[in-house]
């Protein structure tokens, strides 16, 4: 039960960092990946306690890898066009 509370705590800390660090895109992406890893850990604990199959975890990992690749491609295109990853220098209307 303690490990369940730990994984919920890590999800909440990832959400706290995600809400507080809005200056850099890289920090936002890292906090999202931390939340995804915490959710993976929590779901693996839940599935092992309920003796279910782990096929859902493979689908979850596939989607999380796609999300990470999409975030990195957005980061690279933003750095190529604007020179940095600050949200203040990024103007959507241009």
PDB file of N, CA and C in Angstrom:
ATOM      1  N   UNK A   1       0.822  -1.198   0.000  1.00  0.00           N
ATOM      2  CA  UNK A   1       0.000   0.000   0.000  1.00  0.00           C
ATOM      3  C   UNK A   1       0.864   1.258   0.000  1.00  0.00           C
ATOM      4  N   UNK A   2       2.028   1.182   0.604  1.00  0.00           N
ATOM      5  CA  UNK A   2       2.935   2.317   0.642  1.00  0.00           C
ATOM      6  C   UNK A   2       3.432   2.674  -0.751  1.00  0.00           C
ATOM      7  N   UNK A   3       3.658   1.669  -1.581  1.00  0.00           N
ATOM      8  CA  UNK A   3       4.133   1.932  -2.941  1.00  0.00           C
ATOM      9  C   UNK A   3       3.046   2.599  -3.779  1.00  0.00           C
ATOM     10  N   UNK A   4       1.784   2.312  -3.484  1.00  0.00           N
ATOM     11  CA  UNK A   4       0.671   2.991  -4.152  1.00  0.00           C
ATOM     12  C   UNK A   4       0.670   4.475  -3.805  1.00  0.00           C
ATOM     13  N   UNK A   5       0.861   4.800  -2.539  1.00  0.00           N
ATOM     14  CA  UNK A   5       0.918   6.204  -2.133  1.00  0.00           C
ATOM     15  C   UNK A   5       2.123   6.923  -2.733  1.00  0.00           C
ATOM     16  N   UNK A   6       3.222   6.200  -2.864  1.00  0.00           N
ATOM     17  CA  UNK A   6       4.410   6.792  -3.471  1.00  0.00           C
ATOM     18  C   UNK A   6       4.163   7.143  -4.934  1.00  0.00           C
ATOM     19  N   UNK A   7       3.494   6.242  -5.672  1.00  0.00           N
ATOM     20  CA  UNK A   7       3.244   6.526  -7.080  1.00  0.00           C
ATOM     21  C   UNK A   7       2.236   7.659  -7.251  1.00  0.00           C
ATOM     22  N   UNK A   8       1.247   7.759  -6.371  1.00  0.00           N
ATOM     23  CA  UNK A   8       0.317   8.885  -6.425  1.00  0.00           C
ATOM     24  C   UNK A   8       1.045  10.184  -6.088  1.00  0.00           C
ATOM     25  N   UNK A   9       1.962  10.124  -5.132  1.00  0.00           N
ATOM     26  CA  UNK A   9       2.763  11.296  -4.771  1.00  0.00           C
ATOM     27  C   UNK A   9       3.628  11.755  -5.943  1.00  0.00           C
ATOM     28  N   UNK A  10       4.226  10.821  -6.676  1.00  0.00           N
ATOM     29  CA  UNK A  10       5.052  11.204  -7.813  1.00  0.00           C
ATOM     30  C   UNK A  10       4.217  11.819  -8.929  1.00  0.00           C
ATOM     31  N   UNK A  11       2.996  11.333  -9.125  1.00  0.00           N
ATOM     32  CA  UNK A  11       2.113  11.934 -10.125  1.00  0.00           C
ATOM     33  C   UNK A  11       1.769  13.363  -9.727  1.00  0.00           C
ATOM     34  N   UNK A  12       1.473  13.566  -8.466  1.00  0.00           N
ATOM     35  CA  UNK A  12       1.143  14.916  -8.005  1.00  0.00           C
ATOM     36  C   UNK A  12       2.341  15.860  -8.099  1.00  0.00           C
ATOM     37  N   UNK A  13       3.536  15.366  -7.825  1.00  0.00           N
ATOM     38  CA  UNK A  13       4.728  16.205  -7.963  1.00  0.00           C
ATOM     39  C   UNK A  13       4.992  16.541  -9.429  1.00  0.00           C
ATOM     40  N   UNK A  14       4.740  15.600 -10.315  1.00  0.00           N
ATOM     41  CA  UNK A  14       4.883  15.887 -11.741  1.00  0.00           C
ATOM     42  C   UNK A  14       3.881  16.923 -12.206  1.00  0.00           C
ATOM     43  N   UNK A  15       2.650  16.853 -11.700  1.00  0.00           N
ATOM     44  CA  UNK A  15       1.648  17.865 -12.043  1.00  0.00           C
ATOM     45  C   UNK A  15       2.015  19.230 -11.478  1.00  0.00           C
ATOM     46  N   UNK A  16       2.603  19.242 -10.291  1.00  0.00           N
ATOM     47  CA  UNK A  16       3.033  20.501  -9.699  1.00  0.00           C
ATOM     48  C   UNK A  16       4.137  21.156 -10.533  1.00  0.00           C
ATOM     49  N   UNK A  17       5.110  20.374 -10.963  1.00  0.00           N
ATOM     50  CA  UNK A  17       6.184  20.908 -11.800  1.00  0.00           C
ATOM     51  C   UNK A  17       5.632  21.347 -13.150  1.00  0.00           C
ATOM     52  N   UNK A  18       4.691  20.581 -13.696  1.00  0.00           N
ATOM     53  CA  UNK A  18       4.098  20.940 -14.982  1.00  0.00           C
ATOM     54  C   UNK A  18       3.352  22.270 -14.900  1.00  0.00           C
ATOM     55  N   UNK A  19       2.673  22.508 -13.795  1.00  0.00           N
ATOM     56  CA  UNK A  19       1.927  23.759 -13.651  1.00  0.00           C
ATOM     57  C   UNK A  19       2.825  24.937 -13.293  1.00  0.00           C
ATOM     58  N   UNK A  20       3.935  24.699 -12.627  1.00  0.00           N
ATOM     59  CA  UNK A  20       4.768  25.814 -12.178  1.00  0.00           C
ATOM     60  C   UNK A  20       5.841  26.214 -13.186  1.00  0.00           C
ATOM     61  N   UNK A  21       6.334  25.324 -13.986  1.00  0.00           N
ATOM     62  CA  UNK A  21       7.409  25.613 -14.945  1.00  0.00           C
ATOM     63  C   UNK A  21       6.826  25.773 -16.337  1.00  0.00           C
ATOM     64  N   UNK A  22       6.412  26.998 -16.656  1.00  0.00           N
ATOM     65  CA  UNK A  22       5.823  27.239 -17.969  1.00  0.00           C
ATOM     66  C   UNK A  22       6.713  28.095 -18.857  1.00  0.00           C
ATOM     67  N   UNK A  23       7.961  28.313 -18.482  1.00  0.00           N
ATOM     68  CA  UNK A  23       8.841  29.158 -19.278  1.00  0.00           C
ATOM     69  C   UNK A  23       9.462  28.395 -20.442  1.00  0.00           C
ATOM     70  N   UNK A  24       9.967  27.208 -20.183  1.00  0.00           N
ATOM     71  CA  UNK A  24      10.665  26.430 -21.196  1.00  0.00           C
ATOM     72  C   UNK A  24       9.806  25.263 -21.659  1.00  0.00           C
ATOM     73  N   UNK A  25       9.865  24.996 -22.942  1.00  0.00           N
ATOM     74  CA  UNK A  25       9.161  23.838 -23.487  1.00  0.00           C
ATOM     75  C   UNK A  25       9.827  22.550 -23.044  1.00  0.00           C
ATOM     76  N   UNK A  26      11.141  22.546 -22.904  1.00  0.00           N
ATOM     77  CA  UNK A  26      11.851  21.331 -22.506  1.00  0.00           C
ATOM     78  C   UNK A  26      11.476  20.902 -21.097  1.00  0.00           C
ATOM     79  N   UNK A  27      11.360  21.830 -20.170  1.00  0.00           N
ATOM     80  CA  UNK A  27      10.949  21.480 -18.805  1.00  0.00           C
ATOM     81  C   UNK A  27       9.506  20.963 -18.765  1.00  0.00           C
ATOM     82  N   UNK A  28       8.676  21.533 -19.611  1.00  0.00           N
ATOM     83  CA  UNK A  28       7.300  21.054 -19.689  1.00  0.00           C
ATOM     84  C   UNK A  28       7.244  19.631 -20.218  1.00  0.00           C
ATOM     85  N   UNK A  29       8.033  19.346 -21.245  1.00  0.00           N
ATOM     86  CA  UNK A  29       8.057  17.994 -21.801  1.00  0.00           C
ATOM     87  C   UNK A  29       8.642  16.984 -20.820  1.00  0.00           C
ATOM     88  N   UNK A  30       9.663  17.394 -20.079  1.00  0.00           N
ATOM     89  CA  UNK A  30      10.243  16.484 -19.078  1.00  0.00           C
ATOM     90  C   UNK A  30       9.266  16.176 -17.955  1.00  0.00           C
ATOM     91  N   UNK A  31       8.501  17.163 -17.538  1.00  0.00           N
ATOM     92  CA  UNK A  31       7.517  16.897 -16.485  1.00  0.00           C
ATOM     93  C   UNK A  31       6.390  16.008 -17.005  1.00  0.00           C
ATOM     94  N   UNK A  32       6.009  16.163 -18.269  1.00  0.00           N
ATOM     95  CA  UNK A  32       5.006  15.269 -18.843  1.00  0.00           C
ATOM     96  C   UNK A  32       5.518  13.833 -18.917  1.00  0.00           C
ATOM     97  N   UNK A  33       6.780  13.657 -19.268  1.00  0.00           N
ATOM     98  CA  UNK A  33       7.348  12.304 -19.297  1.00  0.00           C
ATOM     99  C   UNK A  33       7.446  11.708 -17.900  1.00  0.00           C
ATOM    100  N   UNK A  34       7.706  12.542 -16.904  1.00  0.00           N
ATOM    101  CA  UNK A  34       7.723  12.062 -15.522  1.00  0.00           C
ATOM    102  C   UNK A  34       6.334  11.591 -15.093  1.00  0.00           C
ATOM    103  N   UNK A  35       5.309  12.320 -15.486  1.00  0.00           N
ATOM    104  CA  UNK A  35       3.933  11.925 -15.172  1.00  0.00           C
ATOM    105  C   UNK A  35       3.590  10.615 -15.874  1.00  0.00           C
ATOM    106  N   UNK A  36       4.021  10.460 -17.121  1.00  0.00           N
ATOM    107  CA  UNK A  36       3.745   9.228 -17.863  1.00  0.00           C
ATOM    108  C   UNK A  36       4.437   8.037 -17.211  1.00  0.00           C
ATOM    109  N   UNK A  37       5.680   8.213 -16.787  1.00  0.00           N
ATOM    110  CA  UNK A  37       6.382   7.111 -16.108  1.00  0.00           C
ATOM    111  C   UNK A  37       5.734   6.764 -14.773  1.00  0.00           C
ATOM    112  N   UNK A  38       5.244   7.768 -14.067  1.00  0.00           N
ATOM    113  CA  UNK A  38       4.563   7.502 -12.800  1.00  0.00           C
ATOM    114  C   UNK A  38       3.251   6.773 -13.031  1.00  0.00           C
ATOM    115  N   UNK A  39       2.525   7.153 -14.078  1.00  0.00           N
ATOM    116  CA  UNK A  39       1.289   6.449 -14.417  1.00  0.00           C
ATOM    117  C   UNK A  39       1.565   5.013 -14.849  1.00  0.00           C
ATOM    118  N   UNK A  40       2.657   4.798 -15.571  1.00  0.00           N
ATOM    119  CA  UNK A  40       3.043   3.448 -15.957  1.00  0.00           C
ATOM    120  C   UNK A  40       3.357   2.601 -14.722  1.00  0.00           C
ATOM    121  N   UNK A  41       4.085   3.183 -13.797  1.00  0.00           N
ATOM    122  CA  UNK A  41       4.418   2.469 -12.565  1.00  0.00           C
ATOM    123  C   UNK A  41       3.156   2.139 -11.760  1.00  0.00           C
ATOM    124  N   UNK A  42       2.249   3.099 -11.654  1.00  0.00           N
ATOM    125  CA  UNK A  42       1.001   2.880 -10.918  1.00  0.00           C
ATOM    126  C   UNK A  42       0.137   1.825 -11.591  1.00  0.00           C
ATOM    127  N   UNK A  43       0.036   1.867 -12.905  1.00  0.00           N
ATOM    128  CA  UNK A  43      -0.796   0.875 -13.588  1.00  0.00           C
ATOM    129  C   UNK A  43      -0.168  -0.511 -13.544  1.00  0.00           C
ATOM    130  N   UNK A  44       1.158  -0.602 -13.564  1.00  0.00           N
ATOM    131  CA  UNK A  44       1.786  -1.925 -13.438  1.00  0.00           C
ATOM    132  C   UNK A  44       1.565  -2.506 -12.045  1.00  0.00           C
ATOM    133  N   UNK A  45       1.592  -1.668 -11.026  1.00  0.00           N
ATOM    134  CA  UNK A  45       1.290  -2.147  -9.671  1.00  0.00           C
ATOM    135  C   UNK A  45      -0.155  -2.621  -9.580  1.00  0.00           C
ATOM    136  N   UNK A  46      -1.061  -1.824 -10.125  1.00  0.00           N
ATOM    137  CA  UNK A  46      -2.479  -2.179 -10.073  1.00  0.00           C
ATOM    138  C   UNK A  46      -2.761  -3.472 -10.832  1.00  0.00           C
ATOM    139  N   UNK A  47      -2.185  -3.614 -12.024  1.00  0.00           N
ATOM    140  CA  UNK A  47      -2.433  -4.822 -12.804  1.00  0.00           C
ATOM    141  C   UNK A  47      -1.810  -6.060 -12.172  1.00  0.00           C
ATOM    142  N   UNK A  48      -0.675  -5.895 -11.501  1.00  0.00           N
ATOM    143  CA  UNK A  48      -0.074  -7.054 -10.848  1.00  0.00           C
ATOM    144  C   UNK A  48      -0.839  -7.441  -9.591  1.00  0.00           C
ATOM    145  N   UNK A  49      -1.425  -6.472  -8.885  1.00  0.00           N
ATOM    146  CA  UNK A  49      -2.212  -6.806  -7.699  1.00  0.00           C
ATOM    147  C   UNK A  49      -3.540  -7.467  -8.056  1.00  0.00           C
ATOM    148  N   UNK A  50      -4.113  -7.072  -9.171  1.00  0.00           N
ATOM    149  CA  UNK A  50      -5.389  -7.643  -9.596  1.00  0.00           C
ATOM    150  C   UNK A  50      -5.223  -8.857 -10.496  1.00  0.00           C
ATOM    151  N   UNK A  51      -3.999  -9.271 -10.724  1.00  0.00           N
ATOM    152  CA  UNK A  51      -3.622 -10.418 -11.572  1.00  0.00           C
ATOM    153  C   UNK A  51      -4.254 -10.338 -12.955  1.00  0.00           C
ATOM    154  N   UNK A  52      -4.169  -9.174 -13.574  1.00  0.00           N
ATOM    155  CA  UNK A  52      -4.603  -9.001 -14.948  1.00  0.00           C
ATOM    156  C   UNK A  52      -3.410  -9.164 -15.875  1.00  0.00           C
ATOM    157  N   UNK A  53      -3.695  -9.195 -17.154  1.00  0.00           N
ATOM    158  CA  UNK A  53      -2.636  -9.277 -18.149  1.00  0.00           C
ATOM    159  C   UNK A  53      -1.992  -7.901 -18.351  1.00  0.00           C
ATOM    160  N   UNK A  54      -0.804  -7.897 -18.886  1.00  0.00           N
ATOM    161  CA  UNK A  54      -0.036  -6.670 -19.046  1.00  0.00           C
ATOM    162  C   UNK A  54      -0.029  -6.163 -20.485  1.00  0.00           C
ATOM    163  N   UNK A  55      -1.029  -6.562 -21.292  1.00  0.00           N
ATOM    164  CA  UNK A  55      -1.083  -6.090 -22.673  1.00  0.00           C
ATOM    165  C   UNK A  55      -1.375  -4.598 -22.731  1.00  0.00           C
ATOM    166  N   UNK A  56      -2.152  -4.108 -21.791  1.00  0.00           N
ATOM    167  CA  UNK A  56      -2.456  -2.679 -21.755  1.00  0.00           C
ATOM    168  C   UNK A  56      -1.197  -1.851 -21.563  1.00  0.00           C
ATOM    169  N   UNK A  57      -0.240  -2.361 -20.792  1.00  0.00           N
ATOM    170  CA  UNK A  57       0.999  -1.617 -20.560  1.00  0.00           C
ATOM    171  C   UNK A  57       1.819  -1.466 -21.837  1.00  0.00           C
ATOM    172  N   UNK A  58       1.771  -2.450 -22.717  1.00  0.00           N
ATOM    173  CA  UNK A  58       2.485  -2.326 -23.986  1.00  0.00           C
ATOM    174  C   UNK A  58       1.850  -1.266 -24.868  1.00  0.00           C
ATOM    175  N   UNK A  59       0.529  -1.194 -24.872  1.00  0.00           N
ATOM    176  CA  UNK A  59      -0.164  -0.153 -25.636  1.00  0.00           C
ATOM    177  C   UNK A  59       0.130   1.211 -25.027  1.00  0.00           C
ATOM    178  N   UNK A  60       0.134   1.288 -23.704  1.00  0.00           N
ATOM    179  CA  UNK A  60       0.436   2.549 -23.018  1.00  0.00           C
ATOM    180  C   UNK A  60       1.851   3.013 -23.325  1.00  0.00           C
ATOM    181  N   UNK A  61       2.806   2.102 -23.318  1.00  0.00           N
ATOM    182  CA  UNK A  61       4.190   2.469 -23.648  1.00  0.00           C
ATOM    183  C   UNK A  61       4.322   2.924 -25.095  1.00  0.00           C
ATOM    184  N   UNK A  62       3.564   2.307 -25.989  1.00  0.00           N
ATOM    185  CA  UNK A  62       3.595   2.716 -27.390  1.00  0.00           C
ATOM    186  C   UNK A  62       3.108   4.144 -27.548  1.00  0.00           C
ATOM    187  N   UNK A  63       1.999   4.480 -26.894  1.00  0.00           N
ATOM    188  CA  UNK A  63       1.476   5.834 -26.983  1.00  0.00           C
ATOM    189  C   UNK A  63       2.378   6.845 -26.287  1.00  0.00           C
ATOM    190  N   UNK A  64       3.017   6.450 -25.206  1.00  0.00           N
ATOM    191  CA  UNK A  64       3.916   7.386 -24.522  1.00  0.00           C
ATOM    192  C   UNK A  64       5.179   7.652 -25.347  1.00  0.00           C
ATOM    193  N   UNK A  65       5.662   6.661 -26.080  1.00  0.00           N
ATOM    194  CA  UNK A  65       6.809   6.885 -26.966  1.00  0.00           C
ATOM    195  C   UNK A  65       6.409   7.811 -28.109  1.00  0.00           C
ATOM    196  N   UNK A  66       5.210   7.631 -28.649  1.00  0.00           N
ATOM    197  CA  UNK A  66       4.733   8.532 -29.713  1.00  0.00           C
ATOM    198  C   UNK A  66       4.580   9.954 -29.192  1.00  0.00           C
ATOM    199  N   UNK A  67       4.102  10.098 -27.970  1.00  0.00           N
ATOM    200  CA  UNK A  67       3.956  11.428 -27.368  1.00  0.00           C
ATOM    201  C   UNK A  67       5.312  12.086 -27.156  1.00  0.00           C
ATOM    202  N   UNK A  68       6.294  11.321 -26.726  1.00  0.00           N
ATOM    203  CA  UNK A  68       7.635  11.860 -26.539  1.00  0.00           C
ATOM    204  C   UNK A  68       8.284  12.268 -27.846  1.00  0.00           C
ATOM    205  N   UNK A  69       8.108  11.464 -28.888  1.00  0.00           N
ATOM    206  CA  UNK A  69       8.678  11.802 -30.189  1.00  0.00           C
ATOM    207  C   UNK A  69       8.013  13.038 -30.779  1.00  0.00           C
ATOM    208  N   UNK A  70       6.716  13.166 -30.602  1.00  0.00           N
ATOM    209  CA  UNK A  70       6.009  14.343 -31.092  1.00  0.00           C
ATOM    210  C   UNK A  70       6.457  15.599 -30.346  1.00  0.00           C
ATOM    211  N   UNK A  71       6.636  15.496 -29.033  1.00  0.00           N
ATOM    212  CA  UNK A  71       7.109  16.632 -28.246  1.00  0.00           C
ATOM    213  C   UNK A  71       8.508  17.054 -28.635  1.00  0.00           C
ATOM    214  N   UNK A  72       9.396  16.089 -28.874  1.00  0.00           N
ATOM    215  CA  UNK A  72      10.757  16.433 -29.291  1.00  0.00           C
ATOM    216  C   UNK A  72      10.786  17.056 -30.678  1.00  0.00           C
ATOM    217  N   UNK A  73       9.916  16.605 -31.570  1.00  0.00           N
ATOM    218  CA  UNK A  73       9.887  17.213 -32.904  1.00  0.00           C
ATOM    219  C   UNK A  73       9.365  18.645 -32.835  1.00  0.00           C
ATOM    220  N   UNK A  74       8.398  18.909 -31.965  1.00  0.00           N
ATOM    221  CA  UNK A  74       7.921  20.283 -31.777  1.00  0.00           C
ATOM    222  C   UNK A  74       9.027  21.144 -31.173  1.00  0.00           C
ATOM    223  N   UNK A  75       9.770  20.588 -30.232  1.00  0.00           N
ATOM    224  CA  UNK A  75      10.882  21.320 -29.622  1.00  0.00           C
ATOM    225  C   UNK A  75      11.958  21.666 -30.647  1.00  0.00           C
ATOM    226  N   UNK A  76      12.310  20.721 -31.499  1.00  0.00           N
ATOM    227  CA  UNK A  76      13.337  20.963 -32.508  1.00  0.00           C
ATOM    228  C   UNK A  76      12.866  22.005 -33.513  1.00  0.00           C
ATOM    229  N   UNK A  77      11.614  21.917 -33.951  1.00  0.00           N
ATOM    230  CA  UNK A  77      11.133  22.909 -34.919  1.00  0.00           C
ATOM    231  C   UNK A  77      11.023  24.292 -34.287  1.00  0.00           C
ATOM    232  N   UNK A  78      10.689  24.362 -33.007  1.00  0.00           N
ATOM    233  CA  UNK A  78      10.611  25.654 -32.335  1.00  0.00           C
ATOM    234  C   UNK A  78      11.994  26.271 -32.167  1.00  0.00           C
ATOM    235  N   UNK A  79      12.999  25.459 -31.859  1.00  0.00           N
ATOM    236  CA  UNK A  79      14.359  25.973 -31.707  1.00  0.00           C
ATOM    237  C   UNK A  79      14.921  26.398 -33.062  1.00  0.00           C
ATOM    238  N   UNK A  80      14.583  25.681 -34.117  1.00  0.00           N
ATOM    239  CA  UNK A  80      15.073  26.064 -35.445  1.00  0.00           C
ATOM    240  C   UNK A  80      14.450  27.365 -35.932  1.00  0.00           C
ATOM    241  N   UNK A  81      13.191  27.589 -35.615  1.00  0.00           N
ATOM    242  CA  UNK A  81      12.551  28.806 -36.120  1.00  0.00           C
ATOM    243  C   UNK A  81      12.779  30.011 -35.227  1.00  0.00           C
ATOM    244  N   UNK A  82      12.835  29.822 -33.909  1.00  0.00           N
ATOM    245  CA  UNK A  82      12.916  30.951 -32.988  1.00  0.00           C
ATOM    246  C   UNK A  82      14.245  31.066 -32.255  1.00  0.00           C
ATOM    247  N   UNK A  83      15.070  30.026 -32.270  1.00  0.00           N
ATOM    248  CA  UNK A  83      16.386  30.103 -31.650  1.00  0.00           C
ATOM    249  C   UNK A  83      16.425  29.677 -30.192  1.00  0.00           C
ATOM    250  N   UNK A  84      15.295  29.566 -29.528  1.00  0.00           N
ATOM    251  CA  UNK A  84      15.261  29.107 -28.131  1.00  0.00           C
ATOM    252  C   UNK A  84      13.905  28.454 -27.863  1.00  0.00           C
ATOM    253  N   UNK A  85      13.729  27.985 -26.626  1.00  0.00           N
ATOM    254  CA  UNK A  85      12.470  27.325 -26.298  1.00  0.00           C
ATOM    255  C   UNK A  85      11.673  28.096 -25.252  1.00  0.00           C
ATOM    256  N   UNK A  86      11.883  29.391 -25.188  1.00  0.00           N
ATOM    257  CA  UNK A  86      11.072  30.219 -24.294  1.00  0.00           C
ATOM    258  C   UNK A  86       9.690  30.431 -24.905  1.00  0.00           C
ATOM    259  N   UNK A  87       8.673  30.336 -24.066  1.00  0.00           N
ATOM    260  CA  UNK A  87       7.324  30.578 -24.560  1.00  0.00           C
ATOM    261  C   UNK A  87       7.050  32.072 -24.761  1.00  0.00           C
ATOM    262  N   UNK A  88       7.830  32.943 -24.090  1.00  0.00           N
ATOM    263  CA  UNK A  88       7.603  34.368 -24.230  1.00  0.00           C
ATOM    264  C   UNK A  88       8.006  34.871 -25.619  1.00  0.00           C
ATOM    265  N   UNK A  89       9.018  34.279 -26.226  1.00  0.00           N
ATOM    266  CA  UNK A  89       9.463  34.714 -27.548  1.00  0.00           C
ATOM    267  C   UNK A  89       8.663  34.080 -28.670  1.00  0.00           C
ATOM    268  N   UNK A  90       7.810  33.131 -28.344  1.00  0.00           N
ATOM    269  CA  UNK A  90       7.017  32.433 -29.354  1.00  0.00           C
ATOM    270  C   UNK A  90       5.687  33.137 -29.529  1.00  0.00           C
ATOM    271  N   UNK A  91       5.479  33.710 -30.697  1.00  0.00           N
ATOM    272  CA  UNK A  91       4.246  34.414 -30.991  1.00  0.00           C
ATOM    273  C   UNK A  91       3.444  33.582 -31.986  1.00  0.00           C
ATOM    274  N   UNK A  92       2.233  33.229 -31.620  1.00  0.00           N
ATOM    275  CA  UNK A  92       1.418  32.356 -32.452  1.00  0.00           C
ATOM    276  C   UNK A  92       0.874  33.102 -33.666  1.00  0.00           C
ATOM    277  N   UNK A  93       0.737  34.409 -33.578  1.00  0.00           N
ATOM    278  CA  UNK A  93       0.105  35.170 -34.648  1.00  0.00           C
ATOM    279  C   UNK A  93       1.024  35.419 -35.836  1.00  0.00           C
ATOM    280  N   UNK A  94       2.320  35.167 -35.733  1.00  0.00           N
ATOM    281  CA  UNK A  94       3.221  35.420 -36.858  1.00  0.00           C
ATOM    282  C   UNK A  94       3.101  34.355 -37.894  1.00  0.00           C
TER     283      UNK A  94
END
